[in-house]
C-alpha atoms as a PDB file:
ATOM      1  CA  MET A   1      -8.736  -8.205  79.205  1.00  0.00           C
ATOM      2  CA  ASN A   2      -8.844  -4.935  81.098  1.00  0.00           C
ATOM      3  CA  GLY A   3      -9.521  -4.551  84.813  1.00  0.00           C
ATOM      4  CA  GLU A   4     -13.262  -3.921  84.499  1.00  0.00           C
ATOM      5  CA  GLN A   5     -13.688  -6.959  82.232  1.00  0.00           C
ATOM      6  CA  LEU A   6     -11.670  -9.057  84.679  1.00  0.00           C
ATOM      7  CA  HIS A   7     -13.909  -8.042  87.583  1.00  0.00           C
ATOM      8  CA  GLN A   8     -17.124  -8.617  85.621  1.00  0.00           C
ATOM      9  CA  LYS A   9     -16.061 -12.048  84.346  1.00  0.00           C
ATOM     10  CA  ALA A  10     -14.911 -13.175  87.803  1.00  0.00           C
ATOM     11  CA  ILE A  11     -18.170 -11.985  89.386  1.00  0.00           C
ATOM     12  CA  GLU A  12     -20.233 -13.738  86.716  1.00  0.00           C
ATOM     13  CA  ILE A  13     -18.403 -17.028  87.263  1.00  0.00           C
ATOM     14  CA  ALA A  14     -18.563 -16.776  91.067  1.00  0.00           C
ATOM     15  CA  ARG A  15     -22.294 -15.986  91.075  1.00  0.00           C
ATOM     16  CA  ASN A  16     -23.005 -19.126  89.062  1.00  0.00           C
ATOM     17  CA  LEU A  17     -21.215 -21.524  91.405  1.00  0.00           C
ATOM     18  CA  PRO A  18     -23.511 -23.715  93.517  1.00  0.00           C
ATOM     19  CA  PHE A  19     -24.114 -22.308  97.026  1.00  0.00           C
ATOM     20  CA  SER A  20     -22.115 -19.148  96.259  1.00  0.00           C
ATOM     21  CA  GLN A  21     -23.025 -16.057  98.267  1.00  0.00           C
ATOM     22  CA  GLN A  22     -22.014 -12.523  97.346  1.00  0.00           C
ATOM     23  CA  THR A  23     -21.218 -10.365 100.379  1.00  0.00           C
ATOM     24  CA  HIS A  24     -19.650  -7.002 101.261  1.00  0.00           C
ATOM     25  CA  PRO A  25     -17.924  -7.449 104.642  1.00  0.00           C
ATOM     26  CA  PHE A  26     -15.154  -4.987 103.713  1.00  0.00           C
ATOM     27  CA  GLY A  27     -17.466  -2.309 102.306  1.00  0.00           C
ATOM     28  CA  PRO A  28     -19.159  -1.630  98.973  1.00  0.00           C
ATOM     29  CA  ASP A  29     -15.896  -1.425  97.015  1.00  0.00           C
ATOM     30  CA  TYR A  30     -15.112  -5.121  97.482  1.00  0.00           C
ATOM     31  CA  GLU A  31     -17.143  -7.981  96.056  1.00  0.00           C
ATOM     32  CA  VAL A  32     -16.566 -10.978  98.312  1.00  0.00           C
ATOM     33  CA  PHE A  33     -17.801 -14.461  97.473  1.00  0.00           C
ATOM     34  CA  LYS A  34     -18.235 -17.300  99.938  1.00  0.00           C
ATOM     35  CA  ILE A  35     -19.382 -20.893  99.875  1.00  0.00           C
ATOM     36  CA  LEU A  36     -20.558 -22.303 103.199  1.00  0.00           C
ATOM     37  CA  GLU A  37     -19.270 -19.147 104.955  1.00  0.00           C
ATOM     38  CA  LYS A  38     -15.726 -19.661 103.562  1.00  0.00           C
ATOM     39  CA  MET A  39     -14.372 -16.879 101.386  1.00  0.00           C
ATOM     40  CA  PHE A  40     -13.009 -18.037  98.026  1.00  0.00           C
ATOM     41  CA  MET A  41     -12.789 -14.844  95.963  1.00  0.00           C
ATOM     42  CA  LEU A  42     -12.736 -11.096  96.262  1.00  0.00           C
ATOM     43  CA  THR A  43     -12.376  -8.247  93.823  1.00  0.00           C
ATOM     44  CA  ALA A  44     -10.197  -5.281  94.680  1.00  0.00           C
ATOM     45  CA  GLU A  45      -8.505  -2.236  93.229  1.00  0.00           C
ATOM     46  CA  VAL A  46      -5.010  -1.344  94.420  1.00  0.00           C
ATOM     47  CA  ALA A  47      -3.199   1.780  93.226  1.00  0.00           C
ATOM     48  CA  GLY A  48      -5.621   1.998  90.293  1.00  0.00           C
ATOM     49  CA  VAL A  49      -5.120  -1.630  89.240  1.00  0.00           C
ATOM     50  CA  LYS A  50      -8.149  -3.902  89.427  1.00  0.00           C
ATOM     51  CA  MET A  51      -7.417  -7.451  90.504  1.00  0.00           C
ATOM     52  CA  VAL A  52      -9.169 -10.590  91.663  1.00  0.00           C
ATOM     53  CA  ASN A  53      -7.942 -12.567  94.663  1.00  0.00           C
ATOM     54  CA  VAL A  54      -8.778 -16.270  94.507  1.00  0.00           C
ATOM     55  CA  LYS A  55      -8.233 -19.054  97.014  1.00  0.00           C
ATOM     56  CA  CYS A  56      -5.884 -21.601  95.453  1.00  0.00           C
ATOM     57  CA  ASP A  57      -4.422 -24.998  96.162  1.00  0.00           C
ATOM     58  CA  PRO A  58      -0.940 -24.265  97.558  1.00  0.00           C
ATOM     59  CA  TYR A  59       0.630 -26.840  95.262  1.00  0.00           C
ATOM     60  CA  LYS A  60      -0.921 -25.272  92.160  1.00  0.00           C
ATOM     61  CA  SER A  61      -0.274 -21.679  93.215  1.00  0.00           C
ATOM     62  CA  GLN A  62       3.433 -21.727  92.433  1.00  0.00           C
ATOM     63  CA  GLU A  63       2.852 -23.485  89.123  1.00  0.00           C
ATOM     64  CA  TYR A  64       0.309 -20.872  88.026  1.00  0.00           C
ATOM     65  CA  GLN A  65       2.650 -18.048  88.994  1.00  0.00           C
ATOM     66  CA  GLU A  66       5.460 -19.569  86.939  1.00  0.00           C
ATOM     67  CA  LEU A  67       3.228 -20.120  83.895  1.00  0.00           C
ATOM     68  CA  TYR A  68       1.354 -16.819  83.852  1.00  0.00           C
ATOM     69  CA  SER A  69       2.897 -13.393  84.442  1.00  0.00           C
ATOM     70  CA  PHE A  70      -0.518 -11.951  85.390  1.00  0.00           C
ATOM     71  CA  ILE A  71      -0.849 -14.303  88.391  1.00  0.00           C
ATOM     72  CA  ILE A  72       0.990 -13.158  91.496  1.00  0.00           C
ATOM     73  CA  PRO A  73       0.958 -14.113  95.192  1.00  0.00           C
ATOM     74  CA  GLY A  74      -2.283 -12.990  96.824  1.00  0.00           C
ATOM     75  CA  TYR A  75      -2.171  -9.256  97.491  1.00  0.00           C
ATOM     76  CA  HIS A  76      -2.771  -8.569 101.185  1.00  0.00           C
ATOM     77  CA  MET A  77      -3.696 -12.254 101.690  1.00  0.00           C
ATOM     78  CA  ASN A  78      -1.984 -15.434 102.865  1.00  0.00           C
ATOM     79  CA  LYS A  79       0.540 -16.021 100.069  1.00  0.00           C
ATOM     80  CA  LYS A  80       0.348 -19.797 100.480  1.00  0.00           C
ATOM     81  CA  HIS A  81      -3.392 -20.068  99.908  1.00  0.00           C
ATOM     82  CA  TRP A  82      -4.266 -17.085  97.711  1.00  0.00           C
ATOM     83  CA  ILE A  83      -3.302 -15.741  94.287  1.00  0.00           C
ATOM     84  CA  SER A  84      -4.091 -12.416  92.650  1.00  0.00           C
ATOM     85  CA  ILE A  85      -5.035 -12.226  88.993  1.00  0.00           C
ATOM     86  CA  THR A  86      -4.299  -8.904  87.303  1.00  0.00           C
ATOM     87  CA  PRO A  87      -5.441  -7.565  83.921  1.00  0.00           C
ATOM     88  CA  HIS A  88      -3.413  -8.748  80.956  1.00  0.00           C
ATOM     89  CA  LYS A  89      -3.806  -8.721  77.168  1.00  0.00           C
ATOM     90  CA  ASN A  90      -3.457 -12.539  76.997  1.00  0.00           C
ATOM     91  CA  LEU A  91      -6.097 -13.159  79.634  1.00  0.00           C
ATOM     92  CA  THR A  92      -9.434 -14.126  78.083  1.00  0.00           C
END
């Protein structure tokens, strides 16, 4: 999955969650999703690499990072509560 596909799939999933709201508090380049005013996902592009930041259970975060090379600690976010998902050929 390339970066554009990653963003589009993440946005599609987030839009379909109950009570999800799409916002742009950081400008038009960032798609931010909230439920009950709490942010749970945002799309970003850093140094030409598109990624999705997702709020994550701290106990699962480390496990996901060990299992999947395309999951890293949340870029520019609290590393305990956020992960970043980057494009990868094995990501579907």
